[in-house]
């Protein structure tokens, strides 16, 4: 076995063990105890505790520290908390309902989202937030409209064979909240088809959810660099340009864990009529606000590449 294969084998086994513990946590602990337990558990059992990942997160956060309200160690510890909570939700998603949305989620929205959807589709941008799958489910509970979510296929992960059964169920559970919608899996060979599906969905008056805050290997030609935290952040803008072209309404948002069993859902309108630059500026300003509140909720620290 080659060294890379050995590393992935060990990582995959740790990941499966971590998820197995969380499966039992979801089964036996109520949410008000389960979420804090999962957050603490991640500090000891999450495979993300790998020294290479920890070192990279500290490196990126240090490069941006002048623009942060948290130190790199605080970013890292917060990340582990959110990793634990988000992975517990792999096993709790199917149980969520309108009561959960009403009792456990505080919603902040600066526009009438239901009125917006009366006349046109909605292109809803979110971030590489540890809870972005939960975000799509919350939107499904909030709005009775078909949803399509752009995502990379989990099958491209080098550890997919270790967690395939768990993630297949997870993605299926999420889609149950999409009102007949589905994930649009983007790969090297499916980007054109995905763009056509995005256009069709928006023109039908439905919702497309997309992540546009970190470089995608399948959108290299439509990637632009934007000023963010004193650095240049590579963002895919092809779907943004397409959404503007279709005349869809545009908004952005995220969901974050507040502690206990509480979450906060934030949604805000984007100025589609002003073009791509204005949209991306408002979108990244929203990410900056999110990071100011809780830097560890952003998964981008792990994914961003800087010198």
C-alpha atoms as a PDB file:
ATOM      1  CA  UNK A   1       0.000   0.000   0.000  1.00  0.00           C
ATOM      2  CA  UNK A   2       1.391   3.402  -1.015  1.00  0.00           C
ATOM      3  CA  UNK A   3       1.880   6.076   1.640  1.00  0.00           C
ATOM      4  CA  UNK A   4      -1.032   8.212   0.350  1.00  0.00           C
ATOM      5  CA  UNK A   5      -3.303   5.180   0.393  1.00  0.00           C
ATOM      6  CA  UNK A   6      -2.237   4.354   3.946  1.00  0.00           C
ATOM      7  CA  UNK A   7      -2.989   7.903   5.062  1.00  0.00           C
ATOM      8  CA  UNK A   8      -6.441   7.839   3.436  1.00  0.00           C
ATOM      9  CA  UNK A   9      -7.141   4.406   4.888  1.00  0.00           C
ATOM     10  CA  UNK A  10      -6.335   5.622   8.402  1.00  0.00           C
ATOM     11  CA  UNK A  11      -8.318   8.842   7.883  1.00  0.00           C
ATOM     12  CA  UNK A  12     -11.305   6.939   6.505  1.00  0.00           C
ATOM     13  CA  UNK A  13     -11.352   4.569   9.476  1.00  0.00           C
ATOM     14  CA  UNK A  14     -11.176   7.468  11.936  1.00  0.00           C
ATOM     15  CA  UNK A  15     -13.995   9.200  10.091  1.00  0.00           C
ATOM     16  CA  UNK A  16     -16.185   6.100  10.218  1.00  0.00           C
ATOM     17  CA  UNK A  17     -15.506   5.660  13.942  1.00  0.00           C
ATOM     18  CA  UNK A  18     -16.377   9.315  14.586  1.00  0.00           C
ATOM     19  CA  UNK A  19     -19.666   8.978  12.696  1.00  0.00           C
ATOM     20  CA  UNK A  20     -20.504   5.722  14.475  1.00  0.00           C
ATOM     21  CA  UNK A  21     -20.223   7.445  17.862  1.00  0.00           C
ATOM     22  CA  UNK A  22     -22.403  10.307  16.643  1.00  0.00           C
ATOM     23  CA  UNK A  23     -25.021   7.880  15.344  1.00  0.00           C
ATOM     24  CA  UNK A  24     -25.392   6.535  18.888  1.00  0.00           C
ATOM     25  CA  UNK A  25     -25.388  10.075  20.273  1.00  0.00           C
ATOM     26  CA  UNK A  26     -28.317  11.009  18.030  1.00  0.00           C
ATOM     27  CA  UNK A  27     -30.145   7.866  19.109  1.00  0.00           C
ATOM     28  CA  UNK A  28     -29.807   8.244  22.869  1.00  0.00           C
ATOM     29  CA  UNK A  29     -29.307  11.931  23.711  1.00  0.00           C
ATOM     30  CA  UNK A  30     -31.955  14.637  23.175  1.00  0.00           C
ATOM     31  CA  UNK A  31     -30.763  17.617  21.102  1.00  0.00           C
ATOM     32  CA  UNK A  32     -30.200  19.962  24.052  1.00  0.00           C
ATOM     33  CA  UNK A  33     -27.569  17.527  25.355  1.00  0.00           C
ATOM     34  CA  UNK A  34     -26.557  15.873  22.103  1.00  0.00           C
ATOM     35  CA  UNK A  35     -25.291  18.976  20.313  1.00  0.00           C
ATOM     36  CA  UNK A  36     -22.955  20.167  23.106  1.00  0.00           C
ATOM     37  CA  UNK A  37     -21.718  16.590  23.540  1.00  0.00           C
ATOM     38  CA  UNK A  38     -21.002  16.308  19.799  1.00  0.00           C
ATOM     39  CA  UNK A  39     -19.127  19.626  19.856  1.00  0.00           C
ATOM     40  CA  UNK A  40     -16.906  18.381  22.672  1.00  0.00           C
ATOM     41  CA  UNK A  41     -16.524  14.949  21.087  1.00  0.00           C
ATOM     42  CA  UNK A  42     -15.082  16.496  17.921  1.00  0.00           C
ATOM     43  CA  UNK A  43     -12.178  17.917  19.916  1.00  0.00           C
ATOM     44  CA  UNK A  44     -11.007  14.369  20.629  1.00  0.00           C
ATOM     45  CA  UNK A  45     -12.357  12.081  17.908  1.00  0.00           C
ATOM     46  CA  UNK A  46     -12.895  14.152  14.763  1.00  0.00           C
ATOM     47  CA  UNK A  47     -10.566  13.077  11.939  1.00  0.00           C
ATOM     48  CA  UNK A  48     -10.236  16.781  11.155  1.00  0.00           C
ATOM     49  CA  UNK A  49      -7.860  16.974  14.135  1.00  0.00           C
ATOM     50  CA  UNK A  50      -5.172  15.813  11.736  1.00  0.00           C
ATOM     51  CA  UNK A  51      -2.042  17.981  12.307  1.00  0.00           C
ATOM     52  CA  UNK A  52      -1.910  18.953   8.625  1.00  0.00           C
ATOM     53  CA  UNK A  53      -5.484  20.290   8.703  1.00  0.00           C
ATOM     54  CA  UNK A  54      -4.923  22.053  12.026  1.00  0.00           C
ATOM     55  CA  UNK A  55      -1.721  23.641  10.745  1.00  0.00           C
ATOM     56  CA  UNK A  56      -3.376  24.807   7.529  1.00  0.00           C
ATOM     57  CA  UNK A  57      -6.308  26.421   9.351  1.00  0.00           C
ATOM     58  CA  UNK A  58      -3.934  28.240  11.698  1.00  0.00           C
ATOM     59  CA  UNK A  59      -1.831  29.386   8.724  1.00  0.00           C
ATOM     60  CA  UNK A  60      -4.778  30.836   6.789  1.00  0.00           C
ATOM     61  CA  UNK A  61      -6.333  32.460   9.860  1.00  0.00           C
ATOM     62  CA  UNK A  62      -2.978  34.001  10.776  1.00  0.00           C
ATOM     63  CA  UNK A  63      -2.716  35.553   7.306  1.00  0.00           C
ATOM     64  CA  UNK A  64      -6.090  37.228   7.895  1.00  0.00           C
ATOM     65  CA  UNK A  65      -5.732  37.924  11.617  1.00  0.00           C
ATOM     66  CA  UNK A  66      -5.664  41.722  11.228  1.00  0.00           C
ATOM     67  CA  UNK A  67      -9.242  41.522   9.911  1.00  0.00           C
ATOM     68  CA  UNK A  68     -10.551  38.996  12.452  1.00  0.00           C
ATOM     69  CA  UNK A  69     -12.106  39.312  15.884  1.00  0.00           C
ATOM     70  CA  UNK A  70     -10.818  35.837  16.798  1.00  0.00           C
ATOM     71  CA  UNK A  71      -7.304  34.431  17.149  1.00  0.00           C
ATOM     72  CA  UNK A  72      -6.237  31.426  15.018  1.00  0.00           C
ATOM     73  CA  UNK A  73      -6.555  29.026  18.022  1.00  0.00           C
ATOM     74  CA  UNK A  74     -10.067  30.355  18.678  1.00  0.00           C
ATOM     75  CA  UNK A  75     -10.968  29.823  15.020  1.00  0.00           C
ATOM     76  CA  UNK A  76      -9.708  26.237  15.212  1.00  0.00           C
ATOM     77  CA  UNK A  77     -11.545  25.330  18.430  1.00  0.00           C
ATOM     78  CA  UNK A  78     -14.766  26.875  17.127  1.00  0.00           C
ATOM     79  CA  UNK A  79     -14.381  24.901  13.900  1.00  0.00           C
ATOM     80  CA  UNK A  80     -14.191  21.654  15.858  1.00  0.00           C
ATOM     81  CA  UNK A  81     -17.378  22.563  17.732  1.00  0.00           C
ATOM     82  CA  UNK A  82     -19.249  23.153  14.482  1.00  0.00           C
ATOM     83  CA  UNK A  83     -17.815  19.986  12.939  1.00  0.00           C
ATOM     84  CA  UNK A  84     -19.233  17.959  15.813  1.00  0.00           C
ATOM     85  CA  UNK A  85     -22.670  19.573  15.629  1.00  0.00           C
ATOM     86  CA  UNK A  86     -22.924  19.398  11.832  1.00  0.00           C
ATOM     87  CA  UNK A  87     -21.923  15.740  11.767  1.00  0.00           C
ATOM     88  CA  UNK A  88     -24.460  14.901  14.460  1.00  0.00           C
ATOM     89  CA  UNK A  89     -27.087  16.374  12.146  1.00  0.00           C
ATOM     90  CA  UNK A  90     -26.256  13.710   9.583  1.00  0.00           C
ATOM     91  CA  UNK A  91     -28.310  11.446  11.832  1.00  0.00           C
ATOM     92  CA  UNK A  92     -30.889  14.036  12.937  1.00  0.00           C
ATOM     93  CA  UNK A  93     -31.877  15.613   9.610  1.00  0.00           C
ATOM     94  CA  UNK A  94     -34.695  13.157   8.944  1.00  0.00           C
ATOM     95  CA  UNK A  95     -36.360  14.072  12.269  1.00  0.00           C
ATOM     96  CA  UNK A  96     -36.544  17.818  11.627  1.00  0.00           C
ATOM     97  CA  UNK A  97     -39.950  19.378  11.030  1.00  0.00           C
ATOM     98  CA  UNK A  98     -41.944  22.586  11.319  1.00  0.00           C
ATOM     99  CA  UNK A  99     -41.860  22.373  15.114  1.00  0.00           C
ATOM    100  CA  UNK A 100     -38.049  22.325  15.003  1.00  0.00           C
ATOM    101  CA  UNK A 101     -38.028  25.385  12.729  1.00  0.00           C
ATOM    102  CA  UNK A 102     -40.444  27.274  14.986  1.00  0.00           C
ATOM    103  CA  UNK A 103     -38.924  26.321  18.333  1.00  0.00           C
ATOM    104  CA  UNK A 104     -35.195  25.934  17.685  1.00  0.00           C
ATOM    105  CA  UNK A 105     -34.390  28.373  14.857  1.00  0.00           C
ATOM    106  CA  UNK A 106     -34.238  32.155  15.112  1.00  0.00           C
ATOM    107  CA  UNK A 107     -34.837  33.623  11.644  1.00  0.00           C
ATOM    108  CA  UNK A 108     -33.519  36.982  10.426  1.00  0.00           C
ATOM    109  CA  UNK A 109     -34.592  37.980   6.902  1.00  0.00           C
ATOM    110  CA  UNK A 110     -34.358  41.503   5.460  1.00  0.00           C
ATOM    111  CA  UNK A 111     -36.862  40.969   2.641  1.00  0.00           C
ATOM    112  CA  UNK A 112     -40.224  39.287   2.039  1.00  0.00           C
ATOM    113  CA  UNK A 113     -38.956  36.004   0.664  1.00  0.00           C
ATOM    114  CA  UNK A 114     -42.386  34.470   0.064  1.00  0.00           C
ATOM    115  CA  UNK A 115     -43.570  37.554  -1.818  1.00  0.00           C
ATOM    116  CA  UNK A 116     -40.381  37.438  -3.909  1.00  0.00           C
ATOM    117  CA  UNK A 117     -41.118  33.874  -4.968  1.00  0.00           C
ATOM    118  CA  UNK A 118     -44.609  34.719  -6.219  1.00  0.00           C
ATOM    119  CA  UNK A 119     -43.315  36.014  -9.544  1.00  0.00           C
ATOM    120  CA  UNK A 120     -39.895  34.452 -10.198  1.00  0.00           C
ATOM    121  CA  UNK A 121     -37.300  31.946  -9.168  1.00  0.00           C
ATOM    122  CA  UNK A 122     -34.735  32.481  -6.431  1.00  0.00           C
ATOM    123  CA  UNK A 123     -30.987  31.963  -6.699  1.00  0.00           C
ATOM    124  CA  UNK A 124     -29.937  31.516  -3.081  1.00  0.00           C
ATOM    125  CA  UNK A 125     -26.224  31.738  -2.364  1.00  0.00           C
ATOM    126  CA  UNK A 126     -24.752  30.285   0.797  1.00  0.00           C
ATOM    127  CA  UNK A 127     -21.238  29.625   2.051  1.00  0.00           C
ATOM    128  CA  UNK A 128     -18.939  26.726   2.850  1.00  0.00           C
ATOM    129  CA  UNK A 129     -20.484  26.821   6.295  1.00  0.00           C
ATOM    130  CA  UNK A 130     -20.252  23.604   8.309  1.00  0.00           C
ATOM    131  CA  UNK A 131     -24.054  23.609   8.426  1.00  0.00           C
ATOM    132  CA  UNK A 132     -24.826  24.247   4.746  1.00  0.00           C
ATOM    133  CA  UNK A 133     -26.814  21.009   4.336  1.00  0.00           C
ATOM    134  CA  UNK A 134     -28.910  21.996   7.341  1.00  0.00           C
ATOM    135  CA  UNK A 135     -29.373  25.369   5.632  1.00  0.00           C
ATOM    136  CA  UNK A 136     -30.977  23.701   2.613  1.00  0.00           C
ATOM    137  CA  UNK A 137     -33.314  21.717   4.867  1.00  0.00           C
ATOM    138  CA  UNK A 138     -34.324  24.852   6.783  1.00  0.00           C
ATOM    139  CA  UNK A 139     -35.134  26.565   3.475  1.00  0.00           C
ATOM    140  CA  UNK A 140     -37.228  23.557   2.477  1.00  0.00           C
ATOM    141  CA  UNK A 141     -39.203  23.822   5.707  1.00  0.00           C
ATOM    142  CA  UNK A 142     -39.565  27.593   5.372  1.00  0.00           C
ATOM    143  CA  UNK A 143     -40.657  27.635   1.723  1.00  0.00           C
ATOM    144  CA  UNK A 144     -42.956  25.187  -0.025  1.00  0.00           C
ATOM    145  CA  UNK A 145     -41.069  25.405  -3.306  1.00  0.00           C
ATOM    146  CA  UNK A 146     -38.964  22.946  -5.266  1.00  0.00           C
ATOM    147  CA  UNK A 147     -35.255  23.198  -4.463  1.00  0.00           C
ATOM    148  CA  UNK A 148     -32.204  22.133  -6.390  1.00  0.00           C
ATOM    149  CA  UNK A 149     -28.872  22.305  -4.591  1.00  0.00           C
ATOM    150  CA  UNK A 150     -25.567  22.434  -6.440  1.00  0.00           C
ATOM    151  CA  UNK A 151     -23.007  20.141  -4.826  1.00  0.00           C
ATOM    152  CA  UNK A 152     -19.942  18.111  -5.624  1.00  0.00           C
ATOM    153  CA  UNK A 153     -20.682  14.413  -5.708  1.00  0.00           C
ATOM    154  CA  UNK A 154     -19.580  12.724  -2.463  1.00  0.00           C
ATOM    155  CA  UNK A 155     -18.246   9.897  -4.609  1.00  0.00           C
ATOM    156  CA  UNK A 156     -15.188  11.958  -5.548  1.00  0.00           C
ATOM    157  CA  UNK A 157     -13.962  11.832  -1.938  1.00  0.00           C
ATOM    158  CA  UNK A 158     -10.982   9.476  -1.478  1.00  0.00           C
ATOM    159  CA  UNK A 159     -12.625   8.124   1.686  1.00  0.00           C
ATOM    160  CA  UNK A 160     -16.084   7.652   0.162  1.00  0.00           C
ATOM    161  CA  UNK A 161     -15.890   3.860   0.417  1.00  0.00           C
ATOM    162  CA  UNK A 162     -15.636   4.152   4.215  1.00  0.00           C
ATOM    163  CA  UNK A 163     -18.725   6.329   4.627  1.00  0.00           C
ATOM    164  CA  UNK A 164     -20.790   5.662   1.490  1.00  0.00           C
ATOM    165  CA  UNK A 165     -23.780   4.097   3.249  1.00  0.00           C
ATOM    166  CA  UNK A 166     -24.014   6.940   5.759  1.00  0.00           C
ATOM    167  CA  UNK A 167     -23.719   9.700   3.170  1.00  0.00           C
ATOM    168  CA  UNK A 168     -26.130   8.107   0.713  1.00  0.00           C
ATOM    169  CA  UNK A 169     -28.776   8.131   3.438  1.00  0.00           C
ATOM    170  CA  UNK A 170     -27.850  11.689   4.427  1.00  0.00           C
ATOM    171  CA  UNK A 171     -28.256  13.111   0.932  1.00  0.00           C
ATOM    172  CA  UNK A 172     -31.528  11.223   0.503  1.00  0.00           C
ATOM    173  CA  UNK A 173     -32.799  12.584   3.825  1.00  0.00           C
ATOM    174  CA  UNK A 174     -31.982  16.146   2.729  1.00  0.00           C
ATOM    175  CA  UNK A 175     -33.781  15.729  -0.592  1.00  0.00           C
ATOM    176  CA  UNK A 176     -37.001  14.834   1.233  1.00  0.00           C
ATOM    177  CA  UNK A 177     -37.244  18.501   2.171  1.00  0.00           C
ATOM    178  CA  UNK A 178     -36.762  19.734  -1.409  1.00  0.00           C
ATOM    179  CA  UNK A 179     -40.408  19.399  -2.532  1.00  0.00           C
ATOM    180  CA  UNK A 180     -39.556  17.187  -5.488  1.00  0.00           C
ATOM    181  CA  UNK A 181     -36.168  18.796  -6.054  1.00  0.00           C
ATOM    182  CA  UNK A 182     -32.745  17.217  -5.817  1.00  0.00           C
ATOM    183  CA  UNK A 183     -29.009  17.703  -5.600  1.00  0.00           C
ATOM    184  CA  UNK A 184     -27.324  18.703  -8.845  1.00  0.00           C
ATOM    185  CA  UNK A 185     -23.977  16.958  -8.639  1.00  0.00           C
ATOM    186  CA  UNK A 186     -21.240  18.864 -10.427  1.00  0.00           C
ATOM    187  CA  UNK A 187     -18.295  16.938 -11.838  1.00  0.00           C
ATOM    188  CA  UNK A 188     -15.750  17.569 -14.560  1.00  0.00           C
ATOM    189  CA  UNK A 189     -18.144  16.110 -17.125  1.00  0.00           C
ATOM    190  CA  UNK A 190     -21.474  17.479 -15.894  1.00  0.00           C
ATOM    191  CA  UNK A 191     -20.940  21.232 -15.483  1.00  0.00           C
ATOM    192  CA  UNK A 192     -22.762  22.167 -18.746  1.00  0.00           C
ATOM    193  CA  UNK A 193     -25.743  19.970 -17.848  1.00  0.00           C
ATOM    194  CA  UNK A 194     -25.815  21.462 -14.357  1.00  0.00           C
ATOM    195  CA  UNK A 195     -25.895  24.999 -15.748  1.00  0.00           C
ATOM    196  CA  UNK A 196     -28.804  24.096 -18.010  1.00  0.00           C
ATOM    197  CA  UNK A 197     -30.628  22.604 -15.022  1.00  0.00           C
ATOM    198  CA  UNK A 198     -29.992  25.791 -13.032  1.00  0.00           C
ATOM    199  CA  UNK A 199     -31.444  27.934 -15.810  1.00  0.00           C
ATOM    200  CA  UNK A 200     -34.481  25.678 -16.196  1.00  0.00           C
ATOM    201  CA  UNK A 201     -35.145  25.644 -12.450  1.00  0.00           C
ATOM    202  CA  UNK A 202     -34.969  29.424 -12.092  1.00  0.00           C
ATOM    203  CA  UNK A 203     -37.153  30.043 -15.135  1.00  0.00           C
ATOM    204  CA  UNK A 204     -39.741  27.685 -13.622  1.00  0.00           C
ATOM    205  CA  UNK A 205     -39.907  29.909 -10.545  1.00  0.00           C
ATOM    206  CA  UNK A 206     -38.144  27.495  -8.209  1.00  0.00           C
ATOM    207  CA  UNK A 207     -35.070  27.738  -5.958  1.00  0.00           C
ATOM    208  CA  UNK A 208     -31.424  26.992  -6.682  1.00  0.00           C
ATOM    209  CA  UNK A 209     -28.981  26.899  -3.759  1.00  0.00           C
ATOM    210  CA  UNK A 210     -25.322  27.434  -4.602  1.00  0.00           C
ATOM    211  CA  UNK A 211     -21.974  27.893  -2.830  1.00  0.00           C
ATOM    212  CA  UNK A 212     -19.835  30.586  -4.442  1.00  0.00           C
ATOM    213  CA  UNK A 213     -17.219  31.487  -1.851  1.00  0.00           C
ATOM    214  CA  UNK A 214     -14.364  29.082  -2.610  1.00  0.00           C
ATOM    215  CA  UNK A 215     -12.639  27.983  -5.821  1.00  0.00           C
ATOM    216  CA  UNK A 216     -14.194  24.961  -7.535  1.00  0.00           C
ATOM    217  CA  UNK A 217     -11.997  22.752  -9.748  1.00  0.00           C
ATOM    218  CA  UNK A 218     -14.967  22.417 -12.100  1.00  0.00           C
ATOM    219  CA  UNK A 219     -15.448  26.169 -12.548  1.00  0.00           C
ATOM    220  CA  UNK A 220     -11.896  27.324 -13.177  1.00  0.00           C
ATOM    221  CA  UNK A 221     -12.789  29.295 -16.310  1.00  0.00           C
ATOM    222  CA  UNK A 222     -15.529  31.198 -14.494  1.00  0.00           C
ATOM    223  CA  UNK A 223     -13.557  32.005 -11.327  1.00  0.00           C
ATOM    224  CA  UNK A 224     -12.682  35.523 -10.229  1.00  0.00           C
ATOM    225  CA  UNK A 225     -10.632  36.801  -7.305  1.00  0.00           C
ATOM    226  CA  UNK A 226     -12.194  39.210  -4.821  1.00  0.00           C
ATOM    227  CA  UNK A 227     -10.719  41.171  -1.918  1.00  0.00           C
ATOM    228  CA  UNK A 228     -11.546  39.415   1.330  1.00  0.00           C
ATOM    229  CA  UNK A 229      -9.941  39.702   4.768  1.00  0.00           C
ATOM    230  CA  UNK A 230      -6.925  41.414   3.235  1.00  0.00           C
ATOM    231  CA  UNK A 231      -6.341  38.586   0.762  1.00  0.00           C
ATOM    232  CA  UNK A 232      -7.687  37.445  -2.614  1.00  0.00           C
ATOM    233  CA  UNK A 233     -10.501  34.897  -2.427  1.00  0.00           C
ATOM    234  CA  UNK A 234     -11.161  32.845  -5.601  1.00  0.00           C
ATOM    235  CA  UNK A 235     -14.907  32.590  -6.196  1.00  0.00           C
ATOM    236  CA  UNK A 236     -16.793  30.765  -8.983  1.00  0.00           C
ATOM    237  CA  UNK A 237     -19.166  33.243 -10.634  1.00  0.00           C
ATOM    238  CA  UNK A 238     -20.574  31.285 -13.590  1.00  0.00           C
ATOM    239  CA  UNK A 239     -23.824  30.425 -11.820  1.00  0.00           C
ATOM    240  CA  UNK A 240     -24.108  33.997 -10.539  1.00  0.00           C
ATOM    241  CA  UNK A 241     -23.864  35.355 -14.085  1.00  0.00           C
ATOM    242  CA  UNK A 242     -26.429  32.808 -15.240  1.00  0.00           C
ATOM    243  CA  UNK A 243     -28.869  33.695 -12.458  1.00  0.00           C
ATOM    244  CA  UNK A 244     -28.629  37.391 -13.303  1.00  0.00           C
ATOM    245  CA  UNK A 245     -29.248  36.576 -16.972  1.00  0.00           C
ATOM    246  CA  UNK A 246     -32.441  34.641 -16.154  1.00  0.00           C
ATOM    247  CA  UNK A 247     -33.865  37.560 -14.179  1.00  0.00           C
ATOM    248  CA  UNK A 248     -34.177  35.519 -10.991  1.00  0.00           C
ATOM    249  CA  UNK A 249     -34.300  37.116  -7.575  1.00  0.00           C
ATOM    250  CA  UNK A 250     -31.048  36.702  -5.676  1.00  0.00           C
ATOM    251  CA  UNK A 251     -30.343  36.354  -1.982  1.00  0.00           C
ATOM    252  CA  UNK A 252     -27.749  34.909   0.358  1.00  0.00           C
ATOM    253  CA  UNK A 253     -27.795  33.353   3.775  1.00  0.00           C
ATOM    254  CA  UNK A 254     -26.476  30.863   6.266  1.00  0.00           C
ATOM    255  CA  UNK A 255     -27.345  28.970   9.413  1.00  0.00           C
ATOM    256  CA  UNK A 256     -25.164  28.641  12.480  1.00  0.00           C
ATOM    257  CA  UNK A 257     -25.279  26.819  15.797  1.00  0.00           C
ATOM    258  CA  UNK A 258     -25.757  29.091  18.806  1.00  0.00           C
ATOM    259  CA  UNK A 259     -25.342  26.490  21.543  1.00  0.00           C
ATOM    260  CA  UNK A 260     -27.667  23.962  23.130  1.00  0.00           C
ATOM    261  CA  UNK A 261     -30.286  23.107  20.522  1.00  0.00           C
ATOM    262  CA  UNK A 262     -30.541  26.645  19.132  1.00  0.00           C
ATOM    263  CA  UNK A 263     -29.703  27.744  15.580  1.00  0.00           C
ATOM    264  CA  UNK A 264     -29.844  31.082  13.759  1.00  0.00           C
ATOM    265  CA  UNK A 265     -30.927  31.378  10.115  1.00  0.00           C
ATOM    266  CA  UNK A 266     -29.979  34.605   8.332  1.00  0.00           C
ATOM    267  CA  UNK A 267     -31.188  35.648   4.863  1.00  0.00           C
ATOM    268  CA  UNK A 268     -30.578  38.889   2.974  1.00  0.00           C
ATOM    269  CA  UNK A 269     -31.339  40.178  -0.515  1.00  0.00           C
ATOM    270  CA  UNK A 270     -28.634  40.685  -3.144  1.00  0.00           C
ATOM    271  CA  UNK A 271     -28.666  43.503  -5.752  1.00  0.00           C
ATOM    272  CA  UNK A 272     -29.040  41.370  -8.889  1.00  0.00           C
ATOM    273  CA  UNK A 273     -29.959  44.402 -11.001  1.00  0.00           C
ATOM    274  CA  UNK A 274     -26.521  45.943 -10.312  1.00  0.00           C
ATOM    275  CA  UNK A 275     -24.487  43.107 -11.822  1.00  0.00           C
ATOM    276  CA  UNK A 276     -21.969  40.498 -10.733  1.00  0.00           C
ATOM    277  CA  UNK A 277     -19.556  42.803  -8.897  1.00  0.00           C
ATOM    278  CA  UNK A 278     -22.299  44.271  -6.710  1.00  0.00           C
ATOM    279  CA  UNK A 279     -23.758  40.839  -6.001  1.00  0.00           C
ATOM    280  CA  UNK A 280     -20.406  39.378  -4.996  1.00  0.00           C
ATOM    281  CA  UNK A 281     -19.550  42.415  -2.883  1.00  0.00           C
ATOM    282  CA  UNK A 282     -22.786  42.081  -0.896  1.00  0.00           C
ATOM    283  CA  UNK A 283     -22.409  38.300  -0.716  1.00  0.00           C
ATOM    284  CA  UNK A 284     -18.872  38.481   0.696  1.00  0.00           C
ATOM    285  CA  UNK A 285     -19.891  41.263   3.085  1.00  0.00           C
ATOM    286  CA  UNK A 286     -22.390  38.769   4.463  1.00  0.00           C
ATOM    287  CA  UNK A 287     -19.619  36.218   4.886  1.00  0.00           C
ATOM    288  CA  UNK A 288     -17.515  38.804   6.714  1.00  0.00           C
ATOM    289  CA  UNK A 289     -20.406  39.473   9.115  1.00  0.00           C
ATOM    290  CA  UNK A 290     -20.777  35.741   9.724  1.00  0.00           C
ATOM    291  CA  UNK A 291     -17.064  35.313  10.417  1.00  0.00           C
ATOM    292  CA  UNK A 292     -17.095  38.314  12.747  1.00  0.00           C
ATOM    293  CA  UNK A 293     -19.820  36.632  14.793  1.00  0.00           C
ATOM    294  CA  UNK A 294     -18.197  33.191  14.786  1.00  0.00           C
ATOM    295  CA  UNK A 295     -15.152  32.616  12.586  1.00  0.00           C
ATOM    296  CA  UNK A 296     -15.137  28.852  13.100  1.00  0.00           C
ATOM    297  CA  UNK A 297     -18.469  28.346  11.357  1.00  0.00           C
ATOM    298  CA  UNK A 298     -16.756  28.938   7.974  1.00  0.00           C
ATOM    299  CA  UNK A 299     -15.271  25.823   6.423  1.00  0.00           C
ATOM    300  CA  UNK A 300     -13.284  27.990   4.044  1.00  0.00           C
ATOM    301  CA  UNK A 301     -10.350  28.109   6.459  1.00  0.00           C
ATOM    302  CA  UNK A 302      -9.675  24.492   5.577  1.00  0.00           C
ATOM    303  CA  UNK A 303     -10.253  24.910   1.828  1.00  0.00           C
ATOM    304  CA  UNK A 304      -8.645  28.262   1.035  1.00  0.00           C
ATOM    305  CA  UNK A 305      -5.135  28.134  -0.420  1.00  0.00           C
ATOM    306  CA  UNK A 306      -2.755  31.035   0.174  1.00  0.00           C
ATOM    307  CA  UNK A 307       1.051  31.311  -0.220  1.00  0.00           C
END
